[in-house]
Amino acid sequence: RYCVASSNSSSNDEEEHDLILLAVADPRGKRVGSGGGTLNAL
């Protein structure tokens, strides 16, 4: 459904690229909260 659009400098046309889609679990099976989950996912 979604893509990343970027300009082609040589043709001035837009190119489509796939999104980077990632699902990341909290580390070591432990709940680390929103703050810890944010840092871990980053």
All heavy atoms as atom14 arrays in JSON, in Angstrom:
{
  "sequence": "RYCVASSNSSSNDEEEHDLILLAVADPRGKRVGSGGGTLNAL",
  "atom14_mask": [
    [1, 1, 1, 1, 1, 1, 1, 1, 1, 1, 1, 0, 0, 0],
    [1, 1, 1, 1, 1, 1, 1, 1, 1, 1, 1, 1, 0, 0],
    [1, 1, 1, 1, 1, 1, 0, 0, 0, 0, 0, 0, 0, 0],
    [1, 1, 1, 1, 1, 1, 1, 0, 0, 0, 0, 0, 0, 0],
    [1, 1, 1, 1, 1, 0, 0, 0, 0, 0, 0, 0, 0, 0],
    [1, 1, 1, 1, 1, 1, 0, 0, 0, 0, 0, 0, 0, 0],
    [1, 1, 1, 1, 1, 1, 0, 0, 0, 0, 0, 0, 0, 0],
    [1, 1, 1, 1, 1, 1, 1, 1, 0, 0, 0, 0, 0, 0],
    [1, 1, 1, 1, 1, 1, 0, 0, 0, 0, 0, 0, 0, 0],
    [1, 1, 1, 1, 1, 1, 0, 0, 0, 0, 0, 0, 0, 0],
    [1, 1, 1, 1, 1, 1, 0, 0, 0, 0, 0, 0, 0, 0],
    [1, 1, 1, 1, 1, 1, 1, 1, 0, 0, 0, 0, 0, 0],
    [1, 1, 1, 1, 1, 1, 1, 1, 0, 0, 0, 0, 0, 0],
    [1, 1, 1, 1, 1, 1, 1, 1, 1, 0, 0, 0, 0, 0],
    [1, 1, 1, 1, 1, 1, 1, 1, 1, 0, 0, 0, 0, 0],
    [1, 1, 1, 1, 1, 1, 1, 1, 1, 0, 0, 0, 0, 0],
    [1, 1, 1, 1, 1, 1, 1, 1, 1, 1, 0, 0, 0, 0],
    [1, 1, 1, 1, 1, 1, 1, 1, 0, 0, 0, 0, 0, 0],
    [1, 1, 1, 1, 1, 1, 1, 1, 0, 0, 0, 0, 0, 0],
    [1, 1, 1, 1, 1, 1, 1, 1, 0, 0, 0, 0, 0, 0],
    [1, 1, 1, 1, 1, 1, 1, 1, 0, 0, 0, 0, 0, 0],
    [1, 1, 1, 1, 1, 1, 1, 1, 0, 0, 0, 0, 0, 0],
    [1, 1, 1, 1, 1, 0, 0, 0, 0, 0, 0, 0, 0, 0],
    [1, 1, 1, 1, 1, 1, 1, 0, 0, 0, 0, 0, 0, 0],
    [1, 1, 1, 1, 1, 0, 0, 0, 0, 0, 0, 0, 0, 0],
    [1, 1, 1, 1, 1, 1, 1, 1, 0, 0, 0, 0, 0, 0],
    [1, 1, 1, 1, 1, 1, 1, 0, 0, 0, 0, 0, 0, 0],
    [1, 1, 1, 1, 1, 1, 1, 1, 1, 1, 1, 0, 0, 0],
    [1, 1, 1, 1, 0, 0, 0, 0, 0, 0, 0, 0, 0, 0],
    [1, 1, 1, 1, 1, 1, 1, 1, 1, 0, 0, 0, 0, 0],
    [1, 1, 1, 1, 1, 1, 1, 1, 1, 1, 1, 0, 0, 0],
    [1, 1, 1, 1, 1, 1, 1, 0, 0, 0, 0, 0, 0, 0],
    [1, 1, 1, 1, 0, 0, 0, 0, 0, 0, 0, 0, 0, 0],
    [1, 1, 1, 1, 1, 1, 0, 0, 0, 0, 0, 0, 0, 0],
    [1, 1, 1, 1, 0, 0, 0, 0, 0, 0, 0, 0, 0, 0],
    [1, 1, 1, 1, 0, 0, 0, 0, 0, 0, 0, 0, 0, 0],
    [1, 1, 1, 1, 0, 0, 0, 0, 0, 0, 0, 0, 0, 0],
    [1, 1, 1, 1, 1, 1, 1, 0, 0, 0, 0, 0, 0, 0],
    [1, 1, 1, 1, 1, 1, 1, 1, 0, 0, 0, 0, 0, 0],
    [1, 1, 1, 1, 1, 1, 1, 1, 0, 0, 0, 0, 0, 0],
    [1, 1, 1, 1, 1, 0, 0, 0, 0, 0, 0, 0, 0, 0],
    [1, 1, 1, 1, 1, 1, 1, 1, 0, 0, 0, 0, 0, 0]
  ],
  "atom14_positions": [
    [[0.8, -1.23, 0.0], [0.0, 0.0, 0.0], [0.84, 1.27, 0.0], [0.4, 2.3, -0.51], [-0.93, 0.0, 1.21], [-1.91, -1.16, 1.23], [-2.61, -1.25, 2.57], [-3.36, -0.06, 2.87], [-3.78, 0.25, 4.1], [-3.48, -0.54, 5.12], [-4.47, 1.35, 4.31], [0.0, 0.0, 0.0], [0.0, 0.0, 0.0], [0.0, 0.0, 0.0]],
    [[2.03, 1.21, 0.62], [2.83, 2.41, 0.77], [4.23, 2.21, 0.19], [4.73, 1.09, 0.13], [2.96, 2.81, 2.25], [1.64, 3.13, 2.91], [1.16, 2.34, 3.95], [0.88, 4.22, 2.5], [-0.06, 2.63, 4.56], [-0.33, 4.52, 3.11], [-0.79, 3.72, 4.13], [-1.99, 4.01, 4.73], [0.0, 0.0, 0.0], [0.0, 0.0, 0.0]],
    [[4.85, 3.31, -0.17], [6.21, 3.29, -0.69], [6.92, 4.57, -0.29], [6.31, 5.49, 0.28], [6.21, 3.13, -2.22], [5.55, 4.59, -3.09], [0.0, 0.0, 0.0], [0.0, 0.0, 0.0], [0.0, 0.0, 0.0], [0.0, 0.0, 0.0], [0.0, 0.0, 0.0], [0.0, 0.0, 0.0], [0.0, 0.0, 0.0], [0.0, 0.0, 0.0]],
    [[8.2, 4.64, -0.58], [8.98, 5.86, -0.4], [9.27, 6.41, -1.78], [9.81, 5.7, -2.64], [10.3, 5.59, 0.35], [11.09, 6.89, 0.5], [10.02, 4.98, 1.71], [0.0, 0.0, 0.0], [0.0, 0.0, 0.0], [0.0, 0.0, 0.0], [0.0, 0.0, 0.0], [0.0, 0.0, 0.0], [0.0, 0.0, 0.0], [0.0, 0.0, 0.0]],
    [[8.89, 7.65, -2.01], [9.11, 8.28, -3.32], [10.33, 9.17, -3.25], [10.49, 9.97, -2.32], [7.89, 9.1, -3.73], [0.0, 0.0, 0.0], [0.0, 0.0, 0.0], [0.0, 0.0, 0.0], [0.0, 0.0, 0.0], [0.0, 0.0, 0.0], [0.0, 0.0, 0.0], [0.0, 0.0, 0.0], [0.0, 0.0, 0.0], [0.0, 0.0, 0.0]],
    [[11.23, 9.03, -4.2], [12.42, 9.88, -4.27], [12.62, 10.34, -5.7], [12.25, 9.65, -6.65], [13.66, 9.12, -3.78], [13.91, 7.99, -4.6], [0.0, 0.0, 0.0], [0.0, 0.0, 0.0], [0.0, 0.0, 0.0], [0.0, 0.0, 0.0], [0.0, 0.0, 0.0], [0.0, 0.0, 0.0], [0.0, 0.0, 0.0], [0.0, 0.0, 0.0]],
    [[13.21, 11.5, -5.84], [13.41, 12.09, -7.18], [14.66, 11.51, -7.83], [15.69, 11.32, -7.19], [13.55, 13.61, -7.07], [12.38, 14.18, -6.54], [0.0, 0.0, 0.0], [0.0, 0.0, 0.0], [0.0, 0.0, 0.0], [0.0, 0.0, 0.0], [0.0, 0.0, 0.0], [0.0, 0.0, 0.0], [0.0, 0.0, 0.0], [0.0, 0.0, 0.0]],
    [[14.53, 11.24, -9.11], [15.67, 10.8, -9.92], [16.31, 12.03, -10.54], [15.71, 12.71, -11.37], [15.21, 9.82, -11.0], [16.36, 9.18, -11.74], [17.37, 9.82, -12.01], [16.21, 7.91, -12.09], [0.0, 0.0, 0.0], [0.0, 0.0, 0.0], [0.0, 0.0, 0.0], [0.0, 0.0, 0.0], [0.0, 0.0, 0.0], [0.0, 0.0, 0.0]],
    [[17.53, 12.35, -10.11], [18.19, 13.59, -10.56], [18.44, 13.61, -12.06], [18.49, 14.67, -12.68], [19.52, 13.78, -9.8], [20.35, 12.65, -9.99], [0.0, 0.0, 0.0], [0.0, 0.0, 0.0], [0.0, 0.0, 0.0], [0.0, 0.0, 0.0], [0.0, 0.0, 0.0], [0.0, 0.0, 0.0], [0.0, 0.0, 0.0], [0.0, 0.0, 0.0]],
    [[18.6, 12.46, -12.67], [18.92, 12.42, -14.1], [17.69, 12.59, -14.98], [17.76, 13.16, -16.06], [19.63, 11.1, -14.44], [18.8, 10.0, -14.13], [0.0, 0.0, 0.0], [0.0, 0.0, 0.0], [0.0, 0.0, 0.0], [0.0, 0.0, 0.0], [0.0, 0.0, 0.0], [0.0, 0.0, 0.0], [0.0, 0.0, 0.0], [0.0, 0.0, 0.0]],
    [[16.55, 12.1, -14.51], [15.34, 12.16, -15.34], [14.24, 13.04, -14.77], [13.21, 13.26, -15.41], [14.79, 10.75, -15.54], [14.38, 10.19, -14.3], [0.0, 0.0, 0.0], [0.0, 0.0, 0.0], [0.0, 0.0, 0.0], [0.0, 0.0, 0.0], [0.0, 0.0, 0.0], [0.0, 0.0, 0.0], [0.0, 0.0, 0.0], [0.0, 0.0, 0.0]],
    [[14.44, 13.53, -13.53], [13.43, 14.35, -12.83], [12.14, 13.58, -12.57], [11.1, 14.19, -12.33], [13.11, 15.63, -13.63], [14.29, 16.58, -13.68], [15.05, 16.69, -12.71], [14.45, 17.27, -14.8], [0.0, 0.0, 0.0], [0.0, 0.0, 0.0], [0.0, 0.0, 0.0], [0.0, 0.0, 0.0], [0.0, 0.0, 0.0], [0.0, 0.0, 0.0]],
    [[12.2, 12.28, -12.68], [11.05, 11.45, -12.36], [11.16, 10.93, -10.93], [12.24, 10.89, -10.34], [10.96, 10.27, -13.33], [10.67, 10.71, -14.75], [10.0, 11.75, -14.91], [11.12, 10.02, -15.69], [0.0, 0.0, 0.0], [0.0, 0.0, 0.0], [0.0, 0.0, 0.0], [0.0, 0.0, 0.0], [0.0, 0.0, 0.0], [0.0, 0.0, 0.0]],
    [[10.02, 10.53, -10.38], [10.02, 9.97, -9.03], [10.17, 8.45, -9.1], [9.54, 7.8, -9.93], [8.74, 10.33, -8.28], [8.7, 11.76, -7.78], [7.61, 11.97, -6.74], [6.68, 11.14, -6.7], [7.69, 12.94, -5.97], [0.0, 0.0, 0.0], [0.0, 0.0, 0.0], [0.0, 0.0, 0.0], [0.0, 0.0, 0.0], [0.0, 0.0, 0.0]],
    [[11.01, 7.94, -8.22], [11.21, 6.51, -8.14], [10.57, 5.98, -6.85], [10.54, 6.66, -5.83], [12.7, 6.18, -8.14], [13.42, 6.53, -9.44], [14.89, 6.16, -9.38], [15.4, 5.96, -8.26], [15.51, 6.06, -10.45], [0.0, 0.0, 0.0], [0.0, 0.0, 0.0], [0.0, 0.0, 0.0], [0.0, 0.0, 0.0], [0.0, 0.0, 0.0]],
    [[10.05, 4.76, -6.93], [9.45, 4.13, -5.77], [10.43, 3.18, -5.1], [11.14, 2.44, -5.77], [8.19, 3.35, -6.16], [6.99, 4.2, -6.47], [5.72, 3.37, -6.59], [5.79, 2.14, -6.37], [4.67, 3.94, -6.92], [0.0, 0.0, 0.0], [0.0, 0.0, 0.0], [0.0, 0.0, 0.0], [0.0, 0.0, 0.0], [0.0, 0.0, 0.0]],
    [[10.47, 3.25, -3.78], [11.28, 2.33, -3.0], [10.42, 1.73, -1.89], [9.47, 2.35, -1.42], [12.49, 3.04, -2.38], [13.38, 3.72, -3.38], [14.33, 3.03, -4.1], [13.44, 5.01, -3.79], [14.95, 3.87, -4.91], [14.43, 5.07, -4.74], [0.0, 0.0, 0.0], [0.0, 0.0, 0.0], [0.0, 0.0, 0.0], [0.0, 0.0, 0.0]],
    [[10.75, 0.51, -1.5], [10.0, -0.14, -0.44], [10.28, 0.52, 0.91], [11.4, 0.99, 1.17], [10.37, -1.63, -0.35], [9.91, -2.4, -1.57], [8.94, -1.96, -2.24], [10.52, -3.45, -1.87], [0.0, 0.0, 0.0], [0.0, 0.0, 0.0], [0.0, 0.0, 0.0], [0.0, 0.0, 0.0], [0.0, 0.0, 0.0], [0.0, 0.0, 0.0]],
    [[9.26, 0.55, 1.76], [9.47, 0.99, 3.13], [10.32, -0.04, 3.87], [10.31, -1.23, 3.56], [8.13, 1.12, 3.87], [7.12, 2.15, 3.38], [5.86, 2.07, 4.24], [7.69, 3.54, 3.42], [0.0, 0.0, 0.0], [0.0, 0.0, 0.0], [0.0, 0.0, 0.0], [0.0, 0.0, 0.0], [0.0, 0.0, 0.0], [0.0, 0.0, 0.0]],
    [[11.06, 0.43, 4.86], [11.74, -0.47, 5.79], [10.78, -0.73, 6.94], [10.43, 0.19, 7.68], [13.06, 0.14, 6.29], [14.03, 0.36, 5.13], [13.69, -0.75, 7.36], [15.3, 1.08, 5.52], [0.0, 0.0, 0.0], [0.0, 0.0, 0.0], [0.0, 0.0, 0.0], [0.0, 0.0, 0.0], [0.0, 0.0, 0.0], [0.0, 0.0, 0.0]],
    [[10.32, -1.96, 7.06], [9.32, -2.33, 8.06], [9.96, -3.27, 9.07], [10.45, -4.34, 8.71], [8.13, -3.02, 7.39], [7.45, -2.22, 6.26], [6.4, -3.08, 5.56], [6.82, -0.94, 6.8], [0.0, 0.0, 0.0], [0.0, 0.0, 0.0], [0.0, 0.0, 0.0], [0.0, 0.0, 0.0], [0.0, 0.0, 0.0], [0.0, 0.0, 0.0]],
    [[9.95, -2.87, 10.33], [10.61, -3.66, 11.37], [9.69, -3.82, 12.58], [9.02, -2.87, 12.99], [11.9, -2.99, 11.83], [12.98, -2.75, 10.77], [14.11, -1.91, 11.35], [13.5, -4.07, 10.23], [0.0, 0.0, 0.0], [0.0, 0.0, 0.0], [0.0, 0.0, 0.0], [0.0, 0.0, 0.0], [0.0, 0.0, 0.0], [0.0, 0.0, 0.0]],
    [[9.66, -5.02, 13.13], [9.0, -5.29, 14.4], [10.08, -5.72, 15.38], [10.84, -6.65, 15.11], [7.94, -6.39, 14.25], [0.0, 0.0, 0.0], [0.0, 0.0, 0.0], [0.0, 0.0, 0.0], [0.0, 0.0, 0.0], [0.0, 0.0, 0.0], [0.0, 0.0, 0.0], [0.0, 0.0, 0.0], [0.0, 0.0, 0.0], [0.0, 0.0, 0.0]],
    [[10.17, -5.03, 16.51], [11.26, -5.24, 17.46], [10.71, -5.6, 18.82], [9.86, -4.88, 19.37], [12.14, -3.97, 17.57], [13.25, -4.18, 18.59], [12.71, -3.6, 16.21], [0.0, 0.0, 0.0], [0.0, 0.0, 0.0], [0.0, 0.0, 0.0], [0.0, 0.0, 0.0], [0.0, 0.0, 0.0], [0.0, 0.0, 0.0], [0.0, 0.0, 0.0]],
    [[11.18, -6.71, 19.37], [10.73, -7.16, 20.69], [11.56, -6.52, 21.79], [12.73, -6.16, 21.59], [10.84, -8.68, 20.79], [0.0, 0.0, 0.0], [0.0, 0.0, 0.0], [0.0, 0.0, 0.0], [0.0, 0.0, 0.0], [0.0, 0.0, 0.0], [0.0, 0.0, 0.0], [0.0, 0.0, 0.0], [0.0, 0.0, 0.0], [0.0, 0.0, 0.0]],
    [[10.96, -6.37, 22.97], [11.73, -5.93, 24.13], [12.86, -6.92, 24.4], [12.7, -8.12, 24.17], [10.83, -5.83, 25.36], [9.91, -4.6, 25.31], [10.15, -3.73, 24.46], [8.98, -4.52, 26.13], [0.0, 0.0, 0.0], [0.0, 0.0, 0.0], [0.0, 0.0, 0.0], [0.0, 0.0, 0.0], [0.0, 0.0, 0.0], [0.0, 0.0, 0.0]],
    [[14.02, -6.44, 24.87], [15.19, -7.32, 24.99], [15.05, -8.38, 26.08], [14.46, -8.13, 27.13], [16.32, -6.34, 25.33], [15.63, -5.17, 25.97], [14.3, -5.06, 25.27], [0.0, 0.0, 0.0], [0.0, 0.0, 0.0], [0.0, 0.0, 0.0], [0.0, 0.0, 0.0], [0.0, 0.0, 0.0], [0.0, 0.0, 0.0], [0.0, 0.0, 0.0]],
    [[15.55, -9.58, 25.78], [15.67, -10.68, 26.74], [14.34, -11.07, 27.38], [14.28, -11.56, 28.5], [16.67, -10.31, 27.85], [18.07, -9.99, 27.32], [19.0, -9.6, 28.42], [20.32, -9.22, 27.89], [21.31, -8.78, 28.65], [21.15, -8.66, 29.96], [22.46, -8.45, 28.09], [0.0, 0.0, 0.0], [0.0, 0.0, 0.0], [0.0, 0.0, 0.0]],
    [[13.26, -10.83, 26.65], [11.95, -11.24, 27.15], [11.45, -10.43, 28.32], [10.51, -10.84, 29.0], [0.0, 0.0, 0.0], [0.0, 0.0, 0.0], [0.0, 0.0, 0.0], [0.0, 0.0, 0.0], [0.0, 0.0, 0.0], [0.0, 0.0, 0.0], [0.0, 0.0, 0.0], [0.0, 0.0, 0.0], [0.0, 0.0, 0.0], [0.0, 0.0, 0.0]],
    [[12.05, -9.28, 28.59], [11.66, -8.44, 29.71], [10.97, -7.17, 29.22], [11.39, -6.57, 28.24], [12.9, -8.04, 30.55], [13.72, -9.22, 31.05], [12.94, -10.04, 32.07], [13.82, -11.15, 32.64], [13.09, -11.98, 33.63], [0.0, 0.0, 0.0], [0.0, 0.0, 0.0], [0.0, 0.0, 0.0], [0.0, 0.0, 0.0], [0.0, 0.0, 0.0]],
    [[9.91, -6.77, 29.91], [9.22, -5.55, 29.55], [10.04, -4.36, 30.02], [10.42, -4.27, 31.19], [7.83, -5.52, 30.2], [6.95, -6.71, 29.83], [6.68, -6.75, 28.33], [5.87, -5.64, 27.9], [4.55, -5.63, 27.92], [3.89, -6.71, 28.32], [3.87, -4.59, 27.52], [0.0, 0.0, 0.0], [0.0, 0.0, 0.0], [0.0, 0.0, 0.0]],
    [[10.34, -3.42, 29.13], [11.21, -2.31, 29.47], [10.51, -0.96, 29.37], [11.15, 0.09, 29.48], [12.46, -2.31, 28.56], [13.32, -3.52, 28.85], [12.08, -2.25, 27.08], [0.0, 0.0, 0.0], [0.0, 0.0, 0.0], [0.0, 0.0, 0.0], [0.0, 0.0, 0.0], [0.0, 0.0, 0.0], [0.0, 0.0, 0.0], [0.0, 0.0, 0.0]],
    [[9.19, -0.97, 29.18], [8.45, 0.28, 29.14], [8.61, 1.03, 27.82], [9.37, 0.64, 26.94], [0.0, 0.0, 0.0], [0.0, 0.0, 0.0], [0.0, 0.0, 0.0], [0.0, 0.0, 0.0], [0.0, 0.0, 0.0], [0.0, 0.0, 0.0], [0.0, 0.0, 0.0], [0.0, 0.0, 0.0], [0.0, 0.0, 0.0], [0.0, 0.0, 0.0]],
    [[7.89, 2.15, 27.71], [7.92, 2.91, 26.45], [9.28, 3.53, 26.2], [9.77, 3.53, 25.07], [6.84, 4.01, 26.49], [5.55, 3.44, 26.58], [0.0, 0.0, 0.0], [0.0, 0.0, 0.0], [0.0, 0.0, 0.0], [0.0, 0.0, 0.0], [0.0, 0.0, 0.0], [0.0, 0.0, 0.0], [0.0, 0.0, 0.0], [0.0, 0.0, 0.0]],
    [[9.91, 4.08, 27.26], [11.22, 4.7, 27.08], [12.28, 3.69, 26.68], [13.02, 3.89, 25.73], [0.0, 0.0, 0.0], [0.0, 0.0, 0.0], [0.0, 0.0, 0.0], [0.0, 0.0, 0.0], [0.0, 0.0, 0.0], [0.0, 0.0, 0.0], [0.0, 0.0, 0.0], [0.0, 0.0, 0.0], [0.0, 0.0, 0.0], [0.0, 0.0, 0.0]],
    [[12.33, 2.57, 27.42], [13.3, 1.53, 27.09], [13.02, 0.91, 25.74], [13.95, 0.59, 24.98], [0.0, 0.0, 0.0], [0.0, 0.0, 0.0], [0.0, 0.0, 0.0], [0.0, 0.0, 0.0], [0.0, 0.0, 0.0], [0.0, 0.0, 0.0], [0.0, 0.0, 0.0], [0.0, 0.0, 0.0], [0.0, 0.0, 0.0], [0.0, 0.0, 0.0]],
    [[11.73, 0.72, 25.43], [11.36, 0.16, 24.13], [11.76, 1.06, 22.99], [12.17, 0.59, 21.92], [0.0, 0.0, 0.0], [0.0, 0.0, 0.0], [0.0, 0.0, 0.0], [0.0, 0.0, 0.0], [0.0, 0.0, 0.0], [0.0, 0.0, 0.0], [0.0, 0.0, 0.0], [0.0, 0.0, 0.0], [0.0, 0.0, 0.0], [0.0, 0.0, 0.0]],
    [[11.65, 2.38, 23.19], [12.05, 3.34, 22.15], [13.54, 3.25, 21.87], [13.97, 3.17, 20.71], [11.68, 4.77, 22.59], [10.25, 4.87, 22.73], [12.15, 5.79, 21.55], [0.0, 0.0, 0.0], [0.0, 0.0, 0.0], [0.0, 0.0, 0.0], [0.0, 0.0, 0.0], [0.0, 0.0, 0.0], [0.0, 0.0, 0.0], [0.0, 0.0, 0.0]],
    [[14.36, 3.26, 22.94], [15.81, 3.19, 22.76], [16.23, 1.86, 22.14], [17.1, 1.82, 21.26], [16.5, 3.38, 24.11], [16.3, 4.75, 24.77], [16.98, 4.78, 26.14], [16.85, 5.87, 23.89], [0.0, 0.0, 0.0], [0.0, 0.0, 0.0], [0.0, 0.0, 0.0], [0.0, 0.0, 0.0], [0.0, 0.0, 0.0], [0.0, 0.0, 0.0]],
    [[15.59, 0.78, 22.59], [15.93, -0.54, 22.04], [15.58, -0.63, 20.55], [16.36, -1.15, 19.74], [15.16, -1.62, 22.82], [15.43, -3.01, 22.3], [16.57, -3.49, 22.3], [14.38, -3.69, 21.86], [0.0, 0.0, 0.0], [0.0, 0.0, 0.0], [0.0, 0.0, 0.0], [0.0, 0.0, 0.0], [0.0, 0.0, 0.0], [0.0, 0.0, 0.0]],
    [[14.41, -0.1, 20.18], [14.0, -0.14, 18.77], [14.91, 0.73, 17.91], [15.25, 0.37, 16.77], [12.55, 0.31, 18.64], [0.0, 0.0, 0.0], [0.0, 0.0, 0.0], [0.0, 0.0, 0.0], [0.0, 0.0, 0.0], [0.0, 0.0, 0.0], [0.0, 0.0, 0.0], [0.0, 0.0, 0.0], [0.0, 0.0, 0.0], [0.0, 0.0, 0.0]],
    [[15.31, 1.89, 18.42], [16.22, 2.76, 17.66], [17.56, 2.07, 17.42], [18.16, 2.2, 16.35], [16.43, 4.08, 18.4], [15.34, 5.14, 18.25], [15.67, 6.35, 19.1], [15.16, 5.53, 16.79], [0.0, 0.0, 0.0], [0.0, 0.0, 0.0], [0.0, 0.0, 0.0], [0.0, 0.0, 0.0], [0.0, 0.0, 0.0], [0.0, 0.0, 0.0]]
  ]
}
